[in-house]
Amino acid sequence: MAEPYNKEKVAIAIRKSFASTGQSVTDETILTLVNEVENFILSDTGNRHVERIQDEVERSLMEHGFYAEAKNYILYRWQRTERRKALNHIVNETGDETITDTLKGIGQDFPRNEYSLTLLAEKFSSFYKPEMTPDERLTALIKAAVELTTQEAPDWEFIAARLLNLLNRQSSPVSCLSMKSCVISRTKDYTAVIF
C-alpha cells in the first residue's frame, strides 16, 4: 500500500540505527542518507511502500559503510513487524478494534522485551476459544497479562490493569460488576495484582 512519505520518520529510523550501535552521527550524514532515500521514492511512485522505503534505508546505510547500523536497522525492522503481527493477532482474536490504541500505548510504555505484545499474544492464544463472547475474550487477555506477571516482569500487573480498565469502560454497569467478579474469581491468586 502506498503511504505518504514522511522524511522525519526516515531520519528518526536512521538515527535510531546509529544510537543502537553507540556510533555518533552528524546531521549532515543523516541528511545525506535521507536525501538518498527521498530521491529513490520520488523517482517512482511505486516506491512509496513501507517495505521498499525500508529496503532503501538499509541499502543506503550499507552503501556508506554503516554495516553495523544496517544490521541493527534490519533487526529493529523485524522486531517492529513481529510487534505489529502480535497486535493484529490480539485485535483479530478479541474481535475488538477499539483495543488497538490501548495495545499501542502498552507497547510504547513498556518497551522492554519481557513486556512484548508477542508474549501477550502467545499467552492469550492458550486461553482463547472461538465461542467466547467479546467480554470473555477480553477477560482472557487480562488473565494472560496477569499470568505473565513474575518477579522479573512485575509490570504485567499494570498492563492487566489497563486492560481491565478498558473492559470496565466498554461494559455496562451491571455487566461490569459481573465481569470484575469473573476476573477476580478466575485470577483470585492475583487479585492484589489487578487492584
Protein backbone atom coordinates (compact mmCIF):
# COMPACT_ATOMS: atom_id res chain seq x y z
CA MET A 1 0.00 0.00 0.00
CA ALA A 2 1.34 3.41 -0.93
CA GLU A 3 1.97 5.69 2.02
CA PRO A 4 2.51 9.41 2.28
CA TYR A 5 6.24 9.96 2.51
CA ASN A 6 7.44 11.29 5.85
CA LYS A 7 11.04 12.47 5.74
CA GLU A 8 11.17 12.85 9.53
CA LYS A 9 10.23 9.20 10.10
CA VAL A 10 13.10 8.11 7.90
CA ALA A 11 15.52 10.42 9.74
CA ILE A 12 14.36 9.08 13.11
CA ALA A 13 14.79 5.47 11.97
CA ILE A 14 18.31 6.21 10.72
CA ARG A 15 19.22 8.00 13.98
CA LYS A 16 17.95 5.00 15.96
CA SER A 17 20.16 2.67 13.93
CA PHE A 18 23.21 4.76 14.88
CA ALA A 19 22.12 5.08 18.52
CA SER A 20 21.77 1.30 18.74
CA THR A 21 25.46 0.88 17.93
CA GLY A 22 26.64 3.77 20.09
CA GLN A 23 28.03 5.42 16.97
CA SER A 24 27.71 9.19 16.82
CA VAL A 25 26.37 10.63 13.61
CA THR A 26 26.31 14.14 12.21
CA ASP A 27 23.18 15.87 10.99
CA GLU A 28 24.92 16.13 7.63
CA THR A 29 25.26 12.34 7.36
CA ILE A 30 21.60 11.86 8.33
CA LEU A 31 20.57 14.44 5.74
CA THR A 32 22.66 12.72 3.04
CA LEU A 33 21.10 9.34 3.80
CA VAL A 34 17.57 10.76 3.99
CA ASN A 35 18.05 12.60 0.69
CA GLU A 36 19.12 9.37 -1.00
CA VAL A 37 16.00 7.63 0.29
CA GLU A 38 13.87 10.58 -0.78
CA ASN A 39 15.35 10.56 -4.30
CA PHE A 40 14.55 6.85 -4.54
CA ILE A 41 10.94 7.50 -3.50
CA LEU A 42 10.47 10.44 -5.84
CA SER A 43 11.93 8.53 -8.80
CA ASP A 44 8.89 6.24 -8.94
CA THR A 45 5.56 6.42 -7.09
CA GLY A 46 5.68 2.61 -6.93
CA ASN A 47 8.49 3.05 -4.40
CA ARG A 48 6.13 4.62 -1.85
CA HIS A 49 5.60 1.42 0.07
CA VAL A 50 6.86 0.86 3.59
CA GLU A 51 8.86 -2.22 2.61
CA ARG A 52 10.56 -0.50 -0.31
CA ILE A 53 11.41 2.56 1.75
CA GLN A 54 12.88 0.37 4.49
CA ASP A 55 14.87 -1.62 1.93
CA GLU A 56 16.27 1.63 0.58
CA VAL A 57 17.28 2.81 4.07
CA GLU A 58 19.18 -0.47 4.52
CA ARG A 59 20.83 -0.16 1.11
CA SER A 60 21.83 3.44 1.74
CA LEU A 61 23.34 2.62 5.15
CA MET A 62 25.40 -0.22 3.67
CA GLU A 63 26.45 1.79 0.63
CA HIS A 64 28.02 4.31 3.01
CA GLY A 65 29.79 1.60 5.01
CA PHE A 66 27.45 1.65 8.01
CA TYR A 67 27.12 -2.13 8.19
CA ALA A 68 26.54 -2.44 11.95
CA GLU A 69 23.87 0.24 11.75
CA ALA A 70 22.23 -1.52 8.80
CA LYS A 71 22.25 -4.80 10.73
CA ASN A 72 20.59 -3.16 13.73
CA TYR A 73 18.10 -1.41 11.47
CA ILE A 74 17.18 -4.79 9.96
CA LEU A 75 16.75 -6.26 13.46
CA TYR A 76 14.69 -3.25 14.57
CA ARG A 77 12.53 -3.61 11.46
CA TRP A 78 11.96 -7.31 12.15
CA GLN A 79 11.01 -6.61 15.79
CA ARG A 80 8.50 -3.96 14.72
CA THR A 81 6.99 -6.40 12.23
CA GLU A 82 6.64 -9.01 14.98
CA ARG A 83 5.01 -6.46 17.32
CA ARG A 84 2.61 -5.43 14.56
CA LYS A 85 1.70 -9.09 13.92
CA ALA A 86 1.10 -9.68 17.65
CA LEU A 87 -1.04 -6.55 17.93
CA ASN A 88 -3.08 -7.56 14.88
CA HIS A 89 -3.45 -11.10 16.23
CA ILE A 90 -4.83 -9.83 19.55
CA VAL A 91 -7.17 -7.37 17.84
CA ASN A 92 -8.44 -10.07 15.46
CA GLU A 93 -8.92 -12.69 18.17
CA THR A 94 -10.69 -10.31 20.56
CA GLY A 95 -12.79 -9.02 17.67
CA ASP A 96 -12.39 -5.53 19.14
CA GLU A 97 -10.74 -2.82 17.03
CA THR A 98 -11.04 -0.36 19.93
CA ILE A 99 -8.31 -2.22 21.81
CA THR A 100 -5.71 -1.13 19.25
CA ASP A 101 -4.84 2.20 20.90
CA THR A 102 -4.60 0.57 24.33
CA LEU A 103 -2.22 -2.09 22.97
CA LYS A 104 -0.10 0.52 21.16
CA GLY A 105 0.10 2.51 24.39
CA ILE A 106 1.20 -0.60 26.27
CA GLY A 107 3.87 -1.24 23.64
CA GLN A 108 5.17 2.32 23.98
CA ASP A 109 5.02 2.50 27.77
CA PHE A 110 6.54 -0.96 28.34
CA PRO A 111 9.16 -1.29 25.56
CA ARG A 112 11.36 -3.92 27.22
CA ASN A 113 11.38 -7.42 25.72
CA GLU A 114 9.81 -9.03 28.78
CA TYR A 115 6.66 -6.94 28.10
CA SER A 116 6.42 -7.78 24.43
CA LEU A 117 2.98 -7.93 22.85
CA THR A 118 4.22 -11.14 21.24
CA LEU A 119 4.38 -12.77 24.68
CA LEU A 120 0.90 -11.48 25.48
CA ALA A 121 -0.47 -12.79 22.17
CA GLU A 122 1.06 -16.22 22.77
CA LYS A 123 -0.32 -16.48 26.31
CA PHE A 124 -3.71 -15.16 25.17
CA SER A 125 -3.86 -17.83 22.46
CA SER A 126 -3.63 -20.50 25.14
CA PHE A 127 -6.85 -19.16 26.75
CA TYR A 128 -8.76 -18.15 23.64
CA LYS A 129 -11.73 -20.19 22.41
CA PRO A 130 -13.71 -19.16 19.30
CA GLU A 131 -17.06 -19.48 21.09
CA MET A 132 -16.13 -16.86 23.72
CA THR A 133 -18.13 -13.65 23.88
CA PRO A 134 -16.24 -10.37 23.34
CA ASP A 135 -16.15 -9.71 27.12
CA GLU A 136 -14.88 -13.25 27.76
CA ARG A 137 -12.15 -12.73 25.16
CA LEU A 138 -11.02 -9.51 26.81
CA THR A 139 -11.16 -11.26 30.20
CA ALA A 140 -8.92 -14.00 28.76
CA LEU A 141 -6.50 -11.30 27.58
CA ILE A 142 -6.44 -9.82 31.09
CA LYS A 143 -5.82 -13.26 32.52
CA ALA A 144 -2.94 -13.73 30.07
CA ALA A 145 -1.34 -10.48 31.28
CA VAL A 146 -1.82 -11.49 34.92
CA GLU A 147 -0.22 -14.88 34.32
CA LEU A 148 2.80 -13.26 32.68
CA THR A 149 3.48 -11.33 35.90
CA THR A 150 6.67 -12.58 37.55
CA GLN A 151 9.26 -11.19 39.90
CA GLU A 152 11.41 -10.42 36.84
CA ALA A 153 8.49 -8.83 34.95
CA PRO A 154 6.23 -7.26 37.60
CA ASP A 155 4.79 -4.58 35.31
CA TRP A 156 2.46 -7.08 33.65
CA GLU A 157 0.15 -6.25 36.57
CA PHE A 158 -0.10 -2.68 35.29
CA ILE A 159 -0.76 -3.96 31.78
CA ALA A 160 -3.52 -6.20 33.16
CA ALA A 161 -4.96 -3.18 34.98
CA ARG A 162 -5.07 -1.17 31.75
CA LEU A 163 -6.88 -3.97 30.00
CA LEU A 164 -9.29 -4.32 32.93
CA ASN A 165 -9.94 -0.58 32.74
CA LEU A 166 -10.73 -0.97 29.04
CA LEU A 167 -13.12 -3.82 29.84
CA ASN A 168 -14.84 -1.73 32.51
CA ARG A 169 -15.24 1.23 30.15
CA GLN A 170 -16.79 -0.99 27.48
CA SER A 171 -19.15 -2.91 29.74
CA SER A 172 -22.49 -1.72 31.04
CA PRO A 173 -22.53 -1.06 34.82
CA VAL A 174 -24.28 -4.35 35.63
CA SER A 175 -22.12 -6.34 33.24
CA CYS A 176 -19.06 -4.52 34.53
CA LEU A 177 -19.67 -5.76 38.04
CA SER A 178 -20.15 -9.31 36.86
CA MET A 179 -17.02 -9.07 34.70
CA LYS A 180 -14.98 -7.81 37.67
CA SER A 181 -16.23 -10.78 39.62
CA CYS A 182 -15.32 -13.03 36.72
CA VAL A 183 -11.81 -11.61 36.58
CA ILE A 184 -11.43 -11.87 40.33
CA SER A 185 -12.70 -15.45 40.51
CA ARG A 186 -10.54 -16.58 37.59
CA THR A 187 -7.45 -14.92 38.97
CA LYS A 188 -8.08 -14.89 42.70
CA ASP A 189 -4.42 -15.62 43.44
CA TYR A 190 -3.62 -12.39 41.61
CA THR A 191 -6.41 -10.13 42.90
CA ALA A 192 -3.94 -7.83 44.60
CA VAL A 193 -2.03 -7.59 41.35
CA ILE A 194 -5.01 -6.19 39.47
CA PHE A 195 -6.49 -3.95 42.15
